[in-house]
Amino acid sequence: TIFQELLIAAALLYFCKFLRDYLCNFKTVIITLLLIVLNPAFMRMSVTLWKDLPFSWCIFMISIFIMKIIFTKGDWLLSISHKIFFVVILAGITFFRHNGIVSSLVILAALIIFFKKYWKFFLIAIVGLFLSRVVLYGPVYKSLNVASDGGKAEIIGIPMNQLAFAYNK
């Protein structure tokens, strides 16, 4: 629960910073934030523990990152910290849903096409995400005794659930 709330708060704060830096004045940003957080649907959603919420917020964050990459013509990726945040959010997309790897691969493939200058970084990200997925869904899950009887559906389980499983052992 704490992780989910921190992810949502970080995403919203980063969204506000993005709006302020590129699109809106401070007053408009505050009104937008209030409209989001005071929306009853947002309130209900943000406190519900559900595997799709972290995935959705990571998609939201990667969308902001992509807009920053576009607005800066790729220069946003010159910073090491931006590259790290980019890869961490891509890892969230990859691991919070069993089919998240597809979204990550499509995003990275599109970025390779449109930002050829950074093709090595994007290619390394693809290989890194793929290898980490293989390691997580192979030896790590096996050592935690995940999927011993759950079949394929259990093998592609959500890492947060698996951490809870390991904690309860």
N, C-alpha and C. Protein backbone atom coordinates (compact mmCIF):
# COMPACT_ATOMS: atom_id res chain seq x y z
N THR A 1 0.83 -1.19 0.00
CA THR A 1 0.00 0.00 0.00
C THR A 1 0.87 1.25 0.00
N ILE A 2 1.89 1.25 0.84
CA ILE A 2 2.77 2.41 0.92
C ILE A 2 3.48 2.62 -0.40
N PHE A 3 3.99 1.53 -0.99
CA PHE A 3 4.66 1.64 -2.28
C PHE A 3 3.73 2.24 -3.33
N GLN A 4 2.50 1.76 -3.38
CA GLN A 4 1.55 2.25 -4.37
C GLN A 4 1.25 3.73 -4.16
N GLU A 5 1.04 4.14 -2.93
CA GLU A 5 0.75 5.55 -2.65
C GLU A 5 1.94 6.44 -2.98
N LEU A 6 3.14 5.96 -2.69
CA LEU A 6 4.34 6.74 -3.03
C LEU A 6 4.52 6.85 -4.53
N LEU A 7 4.23 5.78 -5.26
CA LEU A 7 4.32 5.81 -6.72
C LEU A 7 3.32 6.82 -7.29
N ILE A 8 2.11 6.80 -6.81
CA ILE A 8 1.09 7.73 -7.30
C ILE A 8 1.48 9.17 -6.97
N ALA A 9 1.93 9.41 -5.74
CA ALA A 9 2.33 10.76 -5.35
C ALA A 9 3.51 11.25 -6.20
N ALA A 10 4.49 10.39 -6.40
CA ALA A 10 5.65 10.77 -7.22
C ALA A 10 5.23 11.07 -8.66
N ALA A 11 4.35 10.25 -9.20
CA ALA A 11 3.89 10.46 -10.57
C ALA A 11 3.13 11.78 -10.69
N LEU A 12 2.26 12.06 -9.73
CA LEU A 12 1.49 13.31 -9.79
C LEU A 12 2.39 14.53 -9.60
N LEU A 13 3.33 14.44 -8.69
CA LEU A 13 4.25 15.57 -8.50
C LEU A 13 5.12 15.80 -9.74
N TYR A 14 5.57 14.71 -10.34
CA TYR A 14 6.38 14.85 -11.55
C TYR A 14 5.54 15.41 -12.70
N PHE A 15 4.28 15.00 -12.76
CA PHE A 15 3.35 15.53 -13.77
C PHE A 15 3.17 17.04 -13.57
N CYS A 16 3.02 17.46 -12.32
CA CYS A 16 2.88 18.89 -12.03
C CYS A 16 4.13 19.65 -12.44
N LYS A 17 5.29 19.10 -12.16
CA LYS A 17 6.54 19.73 -12.56
C LYS A 17 6.63 19.83 -14.09
N PHE A 18 6.23 18.76 -14.76
CA PHE A 18 6.23 18.76 -16.23
C PHE A 18 5.30 19.85 -16.76
N LEU A 19 4.09 19.91 -16.21
CA LEU A 19 3.15 20.94 -16.65
C LEU A 19 3.72 22.33 -16.44
N ARG A 20 4.31 22.54 -15.28
CA ARG A 20 4.88 23.85 -14.95
C ARG A 20 6.06 24.20 -15.86
N ASP A 21 6.92 23.25 -16.14
CA ASP A 21 8.10 23.50 -16.96
C ASP A 21 7.76 23.75 -18.43
N TYR A 22 6.74 23.07 -18.95
CA TYR A 22 6.51 23.09 -20.39
C TYR A 22 5.19 23.70 -20.85
N LEU A 23 4.15 23.67 -20.00
CA LEU A 23 2.83 23.99 -20.55
C LEU A 23 2.02 25.04 -19.80
N CYS A 24 2.08 25.09 -18.48
CA CYS A 24 1.10 25.88 -17.72
C CYS A 24 1.77 26.78 -16.68
N ASN A 25 0.98 27.74 -16.22
CA ASN A 25 1.45 28.54 -15.09
C ASN A 25 1.12 27.82 -13.79
N PHE A 26 1.63 28.33 -12.68
CA PHE A 26 1.49 27.67 -11.39
C PHE A 26 0.03 27.49 -10.99
N LYS A 27 -0.79 28.51 -11.20
CA LYS A 27 -2.20 28.45 -10.81
C LYS A 27 -2.92 27.33 -11.57
N THR A 28 -2.66 27.19 -12.85
CA THR A 28 -3.29 26.15 -13.64
C THR A 28 -2.84 24.76 -13.18
N VAL A 29 -1.58 24.64 -12.79
CA VAL A 29 -1.07 23.36 -12.30
C VAL A 29 -1.77 22.97 -11.00
N ILE A 30 -1.93 23.93 -10.09
CA ILE A 30 -2.60 23.65 -8.81
C ILE A 30 -4.06 23.25 -9.05
N ILE A 31 -4.75 23.96 -9.90
CA ILE A 31 -6.15 23.62 -10.20
C ILE A 31 -6.23 22.23 -10.82
N THR A 32 -5.33 21.90 -11.73
CA THR A 32 -5.31 20.58 -12.36
C THR A 32 -5.08 19.49 -11.32
N LEU A 33 -4.12 19.72 -10.44
CA LEU A 33 -3.83 18.74 -9.39
C LEU A 33 -5.03 18.54 -8.47
N LEU A 34 -5.67 19.62 -8.08
CA LEU A 34 -6.86 19.51 -7.22
C LEU A 34 -7.99 18.76 -7.92
N LEU A 35 -8.19 19.03 -9.20
CA LEU A 35 -9.22 18.32 -9.95
C LEU A 35 -8.94 16.82 -10.01
N ILE A 36 -7.68 16.48 -10.08
CA ILE A 36 -7.33 15.05 -10.12
C ILE A 36 -7.54 14.41 -8.75
N VAL A 37 -6.92 14.97 -7.71
CA VAL A 37 -6.94 14.29 -6.41
C VAL A 37 -8.28 14.37 -5.69
N LEU A 38 -9.11 15.35 -6.02
CA LEU A 38 -10.42 15.44 -5.38
C LEU A 38 -11.51 14.71 -6.16
N ASN A 39 -11.14 14.11 -7.26
CA ASN A 39 -12.08 13.32 -8.03
C ASN A 39 -12.38 12.03 -7.27
N PRO A 40 -13.67 11.75 -7.00
CA PRO A 40 -14.00 10.54 -6.23
C PRO A 40 -13.47 9.25 -6.87
N ALA A 41 -13.46 9.18 -8.18
CA ALA A 41 -12.94 7.98 -8.85
C ALA A 41 -11.45 7.82 -8.56
N PHE A 42 -10.71 8.92 -8.57
CA PHE A 42 -9.28 8.86 -8.26
C PHE A 42 -9.07 8.42 -6.81
N MET A 43 -9.86 8.98 -5.91
CA MET A 43 -9.72 8.62 -4.49
C MET A 43 -9.94 7.13 -4.28
N ARG A 44 -10.98 6.61 -4.89
CA ARG A 44 -11.29 5.19 -4.73
C ARG A 44 -10.19 4.32 -5.35
N MET A 45 -9.75 4.71 -6.55
CA MET A 45 -8.76 3.93 -7.26
C MET A 45 -7.42 3.93 -6.53
N SER A 46 -7.02 5.07 -6.02
CA SER A 46 -5.68 5.18 -5.46
C SER A 46 -5.48 4.37 -4.18
N VAL A 47 -6.56 4.02 -3.49
CA VAL A 47 -6.42 3.24 -2.26
C VAL A 47 -6.75 1.77 -2.46
N THR A 48 -7.06 1.38 -3.69
CA THR A 48 -7.37 -0.01 -3.98
C THR A 48 -6.09 -0.73 -4.38
N LEU A 49 -5.77 -1.80 -3.67
CA LEU A 49 -4.60 -2.59 -4.03
C LEU A 49 -4.97 -3.48 -5.21
N TRP A 50 -4.34 -3.18 -6.32
CA TRP A 50 -4.68 -3.87 -7.55
C TRP A 50 -3.46 -3.87 -8.44
N LYS A 51 -3.14 -4.97 -9.04
CA LYS A 51 -1.92 -5.12 -9.81
C LYS A 51 -1.81 -4.15 -10.98
N ASP A 52 -2.90 -3.70 -11.52
CA ASP A 52 -2.86 -2.82 -12.68
C ASP A 52 -2.53 -1.37 -12.34
N LEU A 53 -2.69 -0.97 -11.10
CA LEU A 53 -2.41 0.43 -10.75
C LEU A 53 -0.94 0.79 -10.89
N PRO A 54 -0.01 0.04 -10.33
CA PRO A 54 1.40 0.41 -10.55
C PRO A 54 1.77 0.39 -12.03
N PHE A 55 1.26 -0.57 -12.77
CA PHE A 55 1.50 -0.64 -14.21
C PHE A 55 0.98 0.62 -14.89
N SER A 56 -0.23 1.02 -14.57
CA SER A 56 -0.84 2.21 -15.19
C SER A 56 -0.06 3.48 -14.87
N TRP A 57 0.38 3.60 -13.63
CA TRP A 57 1.13 4.80 -13.25
C TRP A 57 2.52 4.81 -13.90
N CYS A 58 3.08 3.63 -14.11
CA CYS A 58 4.36 3.58 -14.84
C CYS A 58 4.15 3.97 -16.31
N ILE A 59 3.05 3.55 -16.89
CA ILE A 59 2.72 3.98 -18.27
C ILE A 59 2.55 5.50 -18.30
N PHE A 60 1.88 6.04 -17.30
CA PHE A 60 1.70 7.49 -17.20
C PHE A 60 3.06 8.20 -17.14
N MET A 61 3.95 7.68 -16.29
CA MET A 61 5.28 8.29 -16.15
C MET A 61 6.10 8.19 -17.43
N ILE A 62 6.06 7.03 -18.10
CA ILE A 62 6.85 6.89 -19.32
C ILE A 62 6.30 7.81 -20.40
N SER A 63 5.01 8.08 -20.35
CA SER A 63 4.42 9.04 -21.31
C SER A 63 4.99 10.43 -21.09
N ILE A 64 5.13 10.82 -19.84
CA ILE A 64 5.74 12.12 -19.54
C ILE A 64 7.20 12.14 -20.00
N PHE A 65 7.92 11.06 -19.72
CA PHE A 65 9.32 10.98 -20.15
C PHE A 65 9.42 11.10 -21.68
N ILE A 66 8.54 10.42 -22.39
CA ILE A 66 8.57 10.48 -23.86
C ILE A 66 8.27 11.90 -24.34
N MET A 67 7.32 12.57 -23.70
CA MET A 67 7.05 13.96 -24.08
C MET A 67 8.27 14.84 -23.83
N LYS A 68 8.97 14.60 -22.71
CA LYS A 68 10.19 15.36 -22.44
C LYS A 68 11.26 15.07 -23.49
N ILE A 69 11.38 13.82 -23.88
CA ILE A 69 12.34 13.45 -24.93
C ILE A 69 11.99 14.17 -26.23
N ILE A 70 10.72 14.20 -26.55
CA ILE A 70 10.28 14.88 -27.78
C ILE A 70 10.51 16.38 -27.68
N PHE A 71 10.09 16.98 -26.56
CA PHE A 71 10.22 18.44 -26.41
C PHE A 71 11.68 18.89 -26.44
N THR A 72 12.59 18.03 -25.97
CA THR A 72 14.01 18.41 -25.93
C THR A 72 14.80 17.82 -27.10
N LYS A 73 14.08 17.23 -28.05
CA LYS A 73 14.71 16.58 -29.21
C LYS A 73 15.74 15.52 -28.78
N GLY A 74 15.44 14.82 -27.73
CA GLY A 74 16.28 13.74 -27.24
C GLY A 74 17.29 14.14 -26.19
N ASP A 75 17.51 15.42 -26.01
CA ASP A 75 18.54 15.87 -25.07
C ASP A 75 18.22 15.53 -23.61
N TRP A 76 16.98 15.26 -23.31
CA TRP A 76 16.60 14.87 -21.96
C TRP A 76 17.38 13.63 -21.53
N LEU A 77 17.73 12.78 -22.50
CA LEU A 77 18.44 11.54 -22.20
C LEU A 77 19.94 11.72 -21.99
N LEU A 78 20.43 12.94 -22.08
CA LEU A 78 21.86 13.17 -21.84
C LEU A 78 22.24 12.98 -20.38
N SER A 79 21.28 13.17 -19.50
CA SER A 79 21.52 13.04 -18.06
C SER A 79 21.49 11.57 -17.64
N ILE A 80 22.48 11.17 -16.86
CA ILE A 80 22.54 9.79 -16.35
C ILE A 80 21.32 9.51 -15.47
N SER A 81 20.94 10.48 -14.63
CA SER A 81 19.80 10.25 -13.74
C SER A 81 18.51 10.07 -14.55
N HIS A 82 18.35 10.79 -15.65
CA HIS A 82 17.17 10.61 -16.48
C HIS A 82 17.15 9.23 -17.10
N LYS A 83 18.32 8.76 -17.54
CA LYS A 83 18.40 7.41 -18.10
C LYS A 83 18.02 6.37 -17.05
N ILE A 84 18.49 6.57 -15.83
CA ILE A 84 18.17 5.62 -14.75
C ILE A 84 16.67 5.63 -14.46
N PHE A 85 16.07 6.81 -14.33
CA PHE A 85 14.62 6.89 -14.10
C PHE A 85 13.85 6.25 -15.24
N PHE A 86 14.29 6.48 -16.45
CA PHE A 86 13.65 5.91 -17.63
C PHE A 86 13.65 4.39 -17.56
N VAL A 87 14.80 3.80 -17.24
CA VAL A 87 14.92 2.35 -17.17
C VAL A 87 14.12 1.79 -15.99
N VAL A 88 14.12 2.48 -14.86
CA VAL A 88 13.35 2.01 -13.70
C VAL A 88 11.86 1.98 -14.03
N ILE A 89 11.37 3.01 -14.68
CA ILE A 89 9.95 3.04 -15.05
C ILE A 89 9.65 1.97 -16.09
N LEU A 90 10.56 1.77 -17.04
CA LEU A 90 10.37 0.68 -18.01
C LEU A 90 10.34 -0.67 -17.32
N ALA A 91 11.17 -0.84 -16.30
CA ALA A 91 11.15 -2.09 -15.53
C ALA A 91 9.79 -2.26 -14.84
N GLY A 92 9.24 -1.16 -14.33
CA GLY A 92 7.91 -1.22 -13.73
C GLY A 92 6.87 -1.67 -14.74
N ILE A 93 6.93 -1.11 -15.94
CA ILE A 93 6.00 -1.52 -17.00
C ILE A 93 6.19 -2.99 -17.31
N THR A 94 7.43 -3.42 -17.39
CA THR A 94 7.75 -4.80 -17.75
C THR A 94 7.28 -5.80 -16.70
N PHE A 95 7.44 -5.47 -15.42
CA PHE A 95 7.21 -6.46 -14.38
C PHE A 95 5.86 -6.36 -13.66
N PHE A 96 5.16 -5.24 -13.76
CA PHE A 96 3.89 -5.14 -13.05
C PHE A 96 2.73 -5.79 -13.79
N ARG A 97 2.95 -6.19 -15.03
CA ARG A 97 1.93 -6.94 -15.79
C ARG A 97 2.64 -8.05 -16.54
N HIS A 98 1.98 -9.18 -16.68
CA HIS A 98 2.61 -10.30 -17.39
C HIS A 98 2.91 -9.95 -18.84
N ASN A 99 2.12 -9.07 -19.44
CA ASN A 99 2.35 -8.68 -20.83
C ASN A 99 3.00 -7.29 -20.93
N GLY A 100 3.52 -6.80 -19.85
CA GLY A 100 4.15 -5.48 -19.85
C GLY A 100 5.39 -5.40 -20.71
N ILE A 101 6.07 -6.53 -20.90
CA ILE A 101 7.26 -6.55 -21.74
C ILE A 101 6.93 -6.11 -23.16
N VAL A 102 5.72 -6.42 -23.62
CA VAL A 102 5.31 -6.02 -24.97
C VAL A 102 5.24 -4.49 -25.06
N SER A 103 4.64 -3.86 -24.06
CA SER A 103 4.56 -2.40 -24.04
C SER A 103 5.96 -1.79 -24.03
N SER A 104 6.84 -2.33 -23.20
CA SER A 104 8.21 -1.80 -23.13
C SER A 104 8.93 -1.94 -24.46
N LEU A 105 8.78 -3.09 -25.09
CA LEU A 105 9.46 -3.31 -26.37
C LEU A 105 8.92 -2.38 -27.46
N VAL A 106 7.62 -2.16 -27.48
CA VAL A 106 7.04 -1.25 -28.48
C VAL A 106 7.53 0.18 -28.25
N ILE A 107 7.54 0.60 -27.00
CA ILE A 107 8.04 1.94 -26.66
C ILE A 107 9.48 2.11 -27.10
N LEU A 108 10.32 1.15 -26.75
CA LEU A 108 11.74 1.24 -27.09
C LEU A 108 11.98 1.15 -28.60
N ALA A 109 11.22 0.31 -29.29
CA ALA A 109 11.37 0.21 -30.74
C ALA A 109 11.00 1.54 -31.41
N ALA A 110 9.92 2.15 -30.95
CA ALA A 110 9.51 3.45 -31.51
C ALA A 110 10.57 4.51 -31.24
N LEU A 111 11.13 4.50 -30.05
CA LEU A 111 12.16 5.48 -29.71
C LEU A 111 13.43 5.27 -30.54
N ILE A 112 13.77 4.01 -30.81
CA ILE A 112 14.92 3.74 -31.68
C ILE A 112 14.68 4.32 -33.07
N ILE A 113 13.48 4.19 -33.56
CA ILE A 113 13.15 4.70 -34.91
C ILE A 113 13.22 6.22 -34.95
N PHE A 114 12.65 6.89 -33.94
CA PHE A 114 12.55 8.34 -33.98
C PHE A 114 13.74 9.08 -33.38
N PHE A 115 14.50 8.40 -32.53
CA PHE A 115 15.67 9.03 -31.90
C PHE A 115 16.89 8.14 -32.11
N LYS A 116 17.30 8.07 -33.36
CA LYS A 116 18.41 7.19 -33.74
C LYS A 116 19.71 7.51 -32.99
N LYS A 117 19.85 8.75 -32.55
CA LYS A 117 21.05 9.17 -31.84
C LYS A 117 21.28 8.34 -30.57
N TYR A 118 20.21 7.84 -29.97
CA TYR A 118 20.28 7.11 -28.70
C TYR A 118 19.99 5.62 -28.88
N TRP A 119 20.17 5.09 -30.07
CA TRP A 119 19.81 3.70 -30.34
C TRP A 119 20.56 2.72 -29.43
N LYS A 120 21.81 3.01 -29.09
CA LYS A 120 22.57 2.09 -28.23
C LYS A 120 21.93 1.99 -26.84
N PHE A 121 21.56 3.13 -26.29
CA PHE A 121 20.92 3.14 -24.97
C PHE A 121 19.61 2.34 -25.01
N PHE A 122 18.80 2.58 -26.03
CA PHE A 122 17.52 1.87 -26.13
C PHE A 122 17.73 0.38 -26.35
N LEU A 123 18.72 0.01 -27.14
CA LEU A 123 19.00 -1.39 -27.38
C LEU A 123 19.51 -2.07 -26.10
N ILE A 124 20.37 -1.40 -25.36
CA ILE A 124 20.84 -1.93 -24.07
C ILE A 124 19.66 -2.10 -23.11
N ALA A 125 18.72 -1.14 -23.13
CA ALA A 125 17.53 -1.25 -22.27
C ALA A 125 16.70 -2.47 -22.66
N ILE A 126 16.54 -2.71 -23.95
CA ILE A 126 15.78 -3.88 -24.41
C ILE A 126 16.43 -5.16 -23.91
N VAL A 127 17.74 -5.29 -24.12
CA VAL A 127 18.46 -6.49 -23.71
C VAL A 127 18.41 -6.65 -22.19
N GLY A 128 18.63 -5.54 -21.46
CA GLY A 128 18.60 -5.60 -20.00
C GLY A 128 17.25 -6.02 -19.45
N LEU A 129 16.18 -5.46 -20.00
CA LEU A 129 14.83 -5.82 -19.54
C LEU A 129 14.52 -7.27 -19.86
N PHE A 130 14.91 -7.70 -21.05
CA PHE A 130 14.65 -9.08 -21.44
C PHE A 130 15.40 -10.05 -20.52
N LEU A 131 16.69 -9.78 -20.29
CA LEU A 131 17.49 -10.67 -19.44
C LEU A 131 17.00 -10.67 -18.00
N SER A 132 16.64 -9.51 -17.48
CA SER A 132 16.14 -9.46 -16.10
C SER A 132 14.81 -10.19 -15.97
N ARG A 133 14.01 -10.14 -17.00
CA ARG A 133 12.74 -10.87 -16.99
C ARG A 133 12.99 -12.38 -16.98
N VAL A 134 13.95 -12.82 -17.80
CA VAL A 134 14.29 -14.25 -17.84
C VAL A 134 14.81 -14.71 -16.48
N VAL A 135 15.67 -13.91 -15.86
CA VAL A 135 16.23 -14.28 -14.56
C VAL A 135 15.14 -14.29 -13.48
N LEU A 136 14.30 -13.26 -13.48
CA LEU A 136 13.24 -13.20 -12.46
C LEU A 136 12.27 -14.35 -12.61
N TYR A 137 11.81 -14.60 -13.82
CA TYR A 137 10.80 -15.63 -14.02
C TYR A 137 11.38 -17.03 -14.06
N GLY A 138 12.69 -17.14 -13.97
CA GLY A 138 13.34 -18.45 -13.96
C GLY A 138 13.89 -18.76 -12.59
N PRO A 139 15.20 -18.51 -12.37
CA PRO A 139 15.85 -18.90 -11.12
C PRO A 139 15.27 -18.24 -9.86
N VAL A 140 14.90 -16.97 -9.96
CA VAL A 140 14.39 -16.28 -8.76
C VAL A 140 13.07 -16.89 -8.33
N TYR A 141 12.14 -17.04 -9.26
CA TYR A 141 10.86 -17.63 -8.91
C TYR A 141 11.03 -19.06 -8.43
N LYS A 142 11.95 -19.80 -9.05
CA LYS A 142 12.17 -21.18 -8.65
C LYS A 142 12.71 -21.22 -7.21
N SER A 143 13.63 -20.33 -6.86
CA SER A 143 14.18 -20.32 -5.50
C SER A 143 13.13 -19.91 -4.47
N LEU A 144 12.14 -19.13 -4.87
CA LEU A 144 11.07 -18.74 -3.95
C LEU A 144 9.91 -19.73 -3.97
N ASN A 145 10.06 -20.81 -4.74
CA ASN A 145 9.03 -21.83 -4.89
C ASN A 145 7.74 -21.26 -5.46
N VAL A 146 7.88 -20.31 -6.36
CA VAL A 146 6.72 -19.75 -7.04
C VAL A 146 6.42 -20.64 -8.24
N ALA A 147 5.18 -20.87 -8.51
CA ALA A 147 4.73 -21.64 -9.66
C ALA A 147 4.96 -23.13 -9.49
N SER A 148 5.11 -23.58 -8.25
CA SER A 148 5.32 -25.02 -8.07
C SER A 148 4.10 -25.82 -8.53
N ASP A 149 2.91 -25.25 -8.36
CA ASP A 149 1.73 -25.95 -8.84
C ASP A 149 0.77 -25.03 -9.57
N GLY A 150 1.13 -23.80 -9.77
CA GLY A 150 0.22 -22.85 -10.39
C GLY A 150 0.30 -22.80 -11.90
N GLY A 151 1.25 -23.47 -12.50
CA GLY A 151 1.36 -23.47 -13.95
C GLY A 151 1.80 -22.13 -14.49
N LYS A 152 1.57 -21.94 -15.77
CA LYS A 152 2.06 -20.75 -16.46
C LYS A 152 1.47 -19.47 -15.88
N ALA A 153 0.22 -19.48 -15.49
CA ALA A 153 -0.41 -18.27 -14.95
C ALA A 153 0.33 -17.80 -13.71
N GLU A 154 0.80 -18.75 -12.89
CA GLU A 154 1.52 -18.37 -11.68
C GLU A 154 2.93 -17.91 -12.01
N ILE A 155 3.55 -18.51 -13.02
CA ILE A 155 4.92 -18.13 -13.39
C ILE A 155 4.99 -16.67 -13.78
N ILE A 156 3.96 -16.16 -14.42
CA ILE A 156 3.99 -14.77 -14.85
C ILE A 156 3.28 -13.87 -13.84
N GLY A 157 3.36 -14.24 -12.57
CA GLY A 157 2.74 -13.48 -11.50
C GLY A 157 3.38 -12.12 -11.31
N ILE A 158 2.77 -11.32 -10.51
CA ILE A 158 3.22 -9.95 -10.27
C ILE A 158 4.27 -9.94 -9.16
N PRO A 159 5.41 -9.27 -9.40
CA PRO A 159 6.48 -9.27 -8.39
C PRO A 159 6.04 -8.83 -6.99
N MET A 160 5.13 -7.87 -6.89
CA MET A 160 4.68 -7.44 -5.55
C MET A 160 4.04 -8.61 -4.81
N ASN A 161 3.23 -9.38 -5.52
CA ASN A 161 2.59 -10.53 -4.88
C ASN A 161 3.64 -11.56 -4.47
N GLN A 162 4.67 -11.70 -5.31
CA GLN A 162 5.71 -12.68 -5.00
C GLN A 162 6.54 -12.25 -3.79
N LEU A 163 6.77 -10.95 -3.66
CA LEU A 163 7.48 -10.46 -2.48
C LEU A 163 6.66 -10.73 -1.23
N ALA A 164 5.35 -10.54 -1.32
CA ALA A 164 4.48 -10.83 -0.18
C ALA A 164 4.52 -12.33 0.15
N PHE A 165 4.54 -13.15 -0.89
CA PHE A 165 4.62 -14.60 -0.70
C PHE A 165 5.91 -14.96 0.03
N ALA A 166 7.03 -14.38 -0.41
CA ALA A 166 8.33 -14.66 0.21
C ALA A 166 8.35 -14.15 1.65
N TYR A 167 7.73 -13.00 1.89
CA TYR A 167 7.70 -12.44 3.24
C TYR A 167 6.92 -13.33 4.20
N ASN A 168 5.84 -13.92 3.71
CA ASN A 168 5.00 -14.76 4.56
C ASN A 168 5.64 -16.11 4.87
N LYS A 169 6.64 -16.51 4.13
CA LYS A 169 7.30 -17.80 4.39
C LYS A 169 8.09 -17.71 5.61
